[in-house]
């Protein structure tokens, strides 16, 4: 069953079960705080629907492009994976090469996951039903980086993602006034509660929007 949310400028955007599944796969792999990660992904998609319409027609397409653990371009043999390996080799970073190879081999499993931990399921449900807890302008997440300190909206704790963006630019998505399904999509709950391995993320942007907003949107984490 399909449902909808509104972009910050009021564009209606459809959400279906495939979108929920891919959002859950990304959130499980990217790690804590799951609610903020899920809402940031949806908000990024909704903002791009206004600033770069047609770039990602579905939430699934945005999630798979942005979340490195479920992006096939970062699987073993993918172009972005190979580019990363070449960079690490040029830097003579043998340990980094081994780490990237290990991560690349794990990514297909993230992209095929159908069993999720409770924080992931709760985070996805809240991202698609509310209430929203991310600040206006949240469009990016990842490890804390001092060079991006001016764009930090919510700094994560140890082992958590930090939320980035600009409160003065970009908006916050809203929910369409239509009921969600009475029997919501509920995949299996994971028995393994080991903390997920946070992946890095990238955002492939085809063209630039307003300069400051595009600077935030284009932030990639390699």
Protein backbone atom coordinates (compact mmCIF):
# COMPACT_ATOMS: atom_id res chain seq x y z
CA UNK A 1 0.00 0.00 0.00
CA UNK A 2 1.32 3.42 -0.98
CA UNK A 3 1.34 6.51 1.22
CA UNK A 4 2.68 9.99 0.84
CA UNK A 5 4.60 12.74 2.51
CA UNK A 6 5.02 16.36 1.51
CA UNK A 7 8.27 18.02 0.50
CA UNK A 8 9.06 21.33 2.27
CA UNK A 9 7.47 23.19 -0.65
CA UNK A 10 4.37 21.02 -0.57
CA UNK A 11 5.11 18.47 -3.30
CA UNK A 12 3.39 15.16 -2.58
CA UNK A 13 5.80 12.21 -2.55
CA UNK A 14 4.72 8.58 -2.55
CA UNK A 15 6.17 5.95 -0.22
CA UNK A 16 5.67 2.20 -0.69
CA UNK A 17 6.87 -0.99 0.96
CA UNK A 18 9.99 -1.18 -1.20
CA UNK A 19 10.99 2.25 0.06
CA UNK A 20 10.45 1.14 3.65
CA UNK A 21 12.59 -1.94 3.11
CA UNK A 22 15.52 -0.08 1.57
CA UNK A 23 15.30 2.62 4.21
CA UNK A 24 15.52 -0.07 6.89
CA UNK A 25 18.49 -1.71 5.17
CA UNK A 26 20.36 1.58 5.06
CA UNK A 27 19.54 2.54 8.63
CA UNK A 28 20.55 -0.86 9.99
CA UNK A 29 23.92 -0.60 8.26
CA UNK A 30 24.60 3.07 8.99
CA UNK A 31 23.93 2.73 12.70
CA UNK A 32 22.88 4.98 15.57
CA UNK A 33 21.00 7.11 16.23
CA UNK A 34 18.63 5.20 13.97
CA UNK A 35 15.66 7.58 14.27
CA UNK A 36 17.76 10.59 13.26
CA UNK A 37 19.48 8.70 10.44
CA UNK A 38 16.15 7.54 9.00
CA UNK A 39 14.58 10.99 9.20
CA UNK A 40 17.64 12.66 7.68
CA UNK A 41 17.50 10.31 4.69
CA UNK A 42 13.81 11.06 4.12
CA UNK A 43 14.37 14.79 4.61
CA UNK A 44 17.25 14.78 2.15
CA UNK A 45 15.03 13.11 -0.44
CA UNK A 46 12.17 15.53 0.18
CA UNK A 47 14.43 18.58 -0.10
CA UNK A 48 15.97 17.29 -3.32
CA UNK A 49 12.49 16.80 -4.74
CA UNK A 50 12.16 20.59 -4.49
CA UNK A 51 15.69 21.71 -5.39
CA UNK A 52 16.60 19.08 -8.00
CA UNK A 53 13.27 17.56 -9.12
CA UNK A 54 13.55 14.23 -10.88
CA UNK A 55 17.03 13.40 -9.60
CA UNK A 56 15.69 10.68 -7.29
CA UNK A 57 12.07 9.87 -8.21
CA UNK A 58 11.75 7.36 -5.37
CA UNK A 59 13.07 7.20 -1.82
CA UNK A 60 14.70 3.89 -2.70
CA UNK A 61 16.83 5.54 -5.38
CA UNK A 62 18.02 8.24 -2.97
CA UNK A 63 18.79 5.72 -0.23
CA UNK A 64 20.78 3.44 -2.52
CA UNK A 65 22.76 6.37 -3.93
CA UNK A 66 23.50 7.99 -0.58
CA UNK A 67 23.99 5.10 1.84
CA UNK A 68 27.30 3.49 1.01
CA UNK A 69 26.55 0.07 2.57
CA UNK A 70 23.64 -0.52 0.14
CA UNK A 71 25.09 1.22 -2.90
CA UNK A 72 26.26 -1.33 -5.51
CA UNK A 73 28.87 1.15 -6.73
CA UNK A 74 30.65 0.46 -3.43
CA UNK A 75 30.49 -3.34 -3.71
CA UNK A 76 33.65 -5.28 -4.65
CA UNK A 77 34.38 -4.27 -8.26
CA UNK A 78 32.13 -1.19 -8.17
CA UNK A 79 33.55 2.02 -9.62
CA UNK A 80 33.52 3.99 -6.35
CA UNK A 81 35.06 1.08 -4.46
CA UNK A 82 37.83 0.78 -7.04
CA UNK A 83 38.42 4.53 -6.92
CA UNK A 84 38.76 4.35 -3.15
CA UNK A 85 41.20 1.43 -3.40
CA UNK A 86 43.31 3.35 -5.91
CA UNK A 87 43.43 6.38 -3.61
CA UNK A 88 44.46 4.27 -0.62
CA UNK A 89 47.14 2.51 -2.65
CA UNK A 90 48.50 5.85 -3.84
CA UNK A 91 48.69 6.90 -0.19
CA UNK A 92 50.46 3.62 0.66
CA UNK A 93 47.73 2.88 3.18
CA UNK A 94 47.82 -0.92 3.25
CA UNK A 95 45.62 -1.13 6.33
CA UNK A 96 43.04 1.12 4.68
CA UNK A 97 43.00 -1.09 1.57
CA UNK A 98 42.34 -4.20 3.65
CA UNK A 99 39.57 -2.40 5.57
CA UNK A 100 37.89 -1.22 2.37
CA UNK A 101 38.08 -4.69 0.83
CA UNK A 102 36.47 -6.16 3.94
CA UNK A 103 33.71 -3.55 3.92
CA UNK A 104 33.08 -4.09 0.21
CA UNK A 105 32.53 -7.78 0.80
CA UNK A 106 30.01 -7.02 3.57
CA UNK A 107 27.91 -4.53 1.58
CA UNK A 108 25.93 -7.04 -0.52
CA UNK A 109 24.70 -8.62 2.73
CA UNK A 110 23.51 -5.21 3.96
CA UNK A 111 21.65 -4.74 0.68
CA UNK A 112 19.93 -8.12 0.99
CA UNK A 113 18.96 -7.88 4.67
CA UNK A 114 15.36 -8.66 5.63
CA UNK A 115 15.82 -9.02 9.40
CA UNK A 116 16.30 -5.87 11.47
CA UNK A 117 16.94 -4.79 15.03
CA UNK A 118 14.28 -3.04 17.06
CA UNK A 119 15.93 0.43 16.90
CA UNK A 120 15.93 0.24 13.10
CA UNK A 121 12.27 -0.76 12.88
CA UNK A 122 11.27 1.95 15.33
CA UNK A 123 13.38 4.55 13.55
CA UNK A 124 11.91 3.75 10.14
CA UNK A 125 8.35 3.78 11.51
CA UNK A 126 8.89 7.17 13.13
CA UNK A 127 10.51 8.56 9.97
CA UNK A 128 7.41 7.65 7.97
CA UNK A 129 4.72 8.36 10.56
CA UNK A 130 6.19 10.95 12.94
CA UNK A 131 6.85 12.71 15.12
CA UNK A 132 9.85 14.36 13.48
CA UNK A 133 12.78 15.10 15.77
CA UNK A 134 15.44 16.29 13.31
CA UNK A 135 16.08 20.03 12.96
CA UNK A 136 15.20 22.01 9.88
CA UNK A 137 17.78 21.62 7.15
CA UNK A 138 19.11 18.19 8.22
CA UNK A 139 20.33 16.55 5.01
CA UNK A 140 23.53 14.68 5.85
CA UNK A 141 24.94 12.35 8.51
CA UNK A 142 28.23 10.73 9.29
CA UNK A 143 31.11 10.69 11.76
CA UNK A 144 31.93 14.00 13.37
CA UNK A 145 34.38 16.00 11.26
CA UNK A 146 36.01 19.20 12.58
CA UNK A 147 36.13 20.67 9.06
CA UNK A 148 32.31 20.46 8.96
CA UNK A 149 31.76 21.86 12.45
CA UNK A 150 29.86 24.88 11.10
CA UNK A 151 27.27 22.55 9.57
CA UNK A 152 26.67 20.36 12.62
CA UNK A 153 23.04 20.40 13.74
CA UNK A 154 23.16 17.51 16.21
CA UNK A 155 26.47 16.00 17.27
CA UNK A 156 26.37 12.28 17.89
CA UNK A 157 27.88 10.52 20.86
CA UNK A 158 30.71 7.96 20.71
CA UNK A 159 30.06 5.54 17.85
CA UNK A 160 27.05 7.54 16.64
CA UNK A 161 26.41 9.54 13.50
CA UNK A 162 26.42 13.33 13.61
CA UNK A 163 23.64 15.18 11.78
CA UNK A 164 24.71 17.95 9.40
CA UNK A 165 22.92 20.63 7.41
CA UNK A 166 21.99 24.29 7.64
CA UNK A 167 18.94 25.39 9.56
CA UNK A 168 18.62 28.55 7.46
CA UNK A 169 18.55 26.58 4.21
CA UNK A 170 16.35 23.67 3.29
CA UNK A 171 13.15 22.66 4.98
CA UNK A 172 11.57 19.78 6.82
CA UNK A 173 9.26 17.26 5.21
CA UNK A 174 5.69 16.85 6.41
CA UNK A 175 3.20 14.01 6.42
CA UNK A 176 0.29 13.88 4.03
CA UNK A 177 -3.11 13.93 5.76
CA UNK A 178 -3.98 10.39 4.73
CA UNK A 179 -4.07 7.31 6.97
CA UNK A 180 -1.24 4.83 6.95
CA UNK A 181 -2.08 1.18 6.51
CA UNK A 182 -3.76 -0.42 9.50
CA UNK A 183 -1.35 -3.34 9.17
CA UNK A 184 2.03 -1.64 8.71
CA UNK A 185 4.96 -3.31 7.04
CA UNK A 186 6.83 -5.23 9.73
CA UNK A 187 9.81 -7.36 8.72
CA UNK A 188 11.33 -9.84 11.12
CA UNK A 189 12.98 -8.55 14.27
CA UNK A 190 16.65 -9.47 14.48
CA UNK A 191 17.68 -11.79 17.27
CA UNK A 192 21.27 -10.62 16.89
CA UNK A 193 21.48 -7.32 18.75
CA UNK A 194 25.16 -6.70 18.04
CA UNK A 195 25.63 -3.08 17.02
CA UNK A 196 25.58 -2.62 13.24
CA UNK A 197 28.70 -1.50 11.47
CA UNK A 198 28.30 2.10 10.43
CA UNK A 199 29.08 2.63 6.78
CA UNK A 200 30.39 5.69 5.04
CA UNK A 201 28.05 7.56 2.69
CA UNK A 202 28.23 9.51 -0.53
CA UNK A 203 25.80 11.70 -2.39
CA UNK A 204 26.11 11.86 -6.15
CA UNK A 205 24.74 15.23 -7.23
CA UNK A 206 24.26 15.88 -10.92
CA UNK A 207 23.86 19.68 -10.91
CA UNK A 208 24.12 22.46 -8.36
CA UNK A 209 21.22 24.13 -6.61
CA UNK A 210 21.69 27.32 -4.60
CA UNK A 211 25.38 27.53 -3.69
CA UNK A 212 25.21 27.14 0.07
CA UNK A 213 22.54 24.43 -0.02
CA UNK A 214 24.35 22.54 -2.76
CA UNK A 215 27.57 22.68 -0.71
CA UNK A 216 25.82 20.78 2.06
CA UNK A 217 24.08 18.34 -0.30
CA UNK A 218 27.31 17.51 -2.09
CA UNK A 219 29.16 16.52 1.07
CA UNK A 220 30.33 12.94 0.50
CA UNK A 221 31.98 10.70 3.07
CA UNK A 222 34.67 8.55 1.54
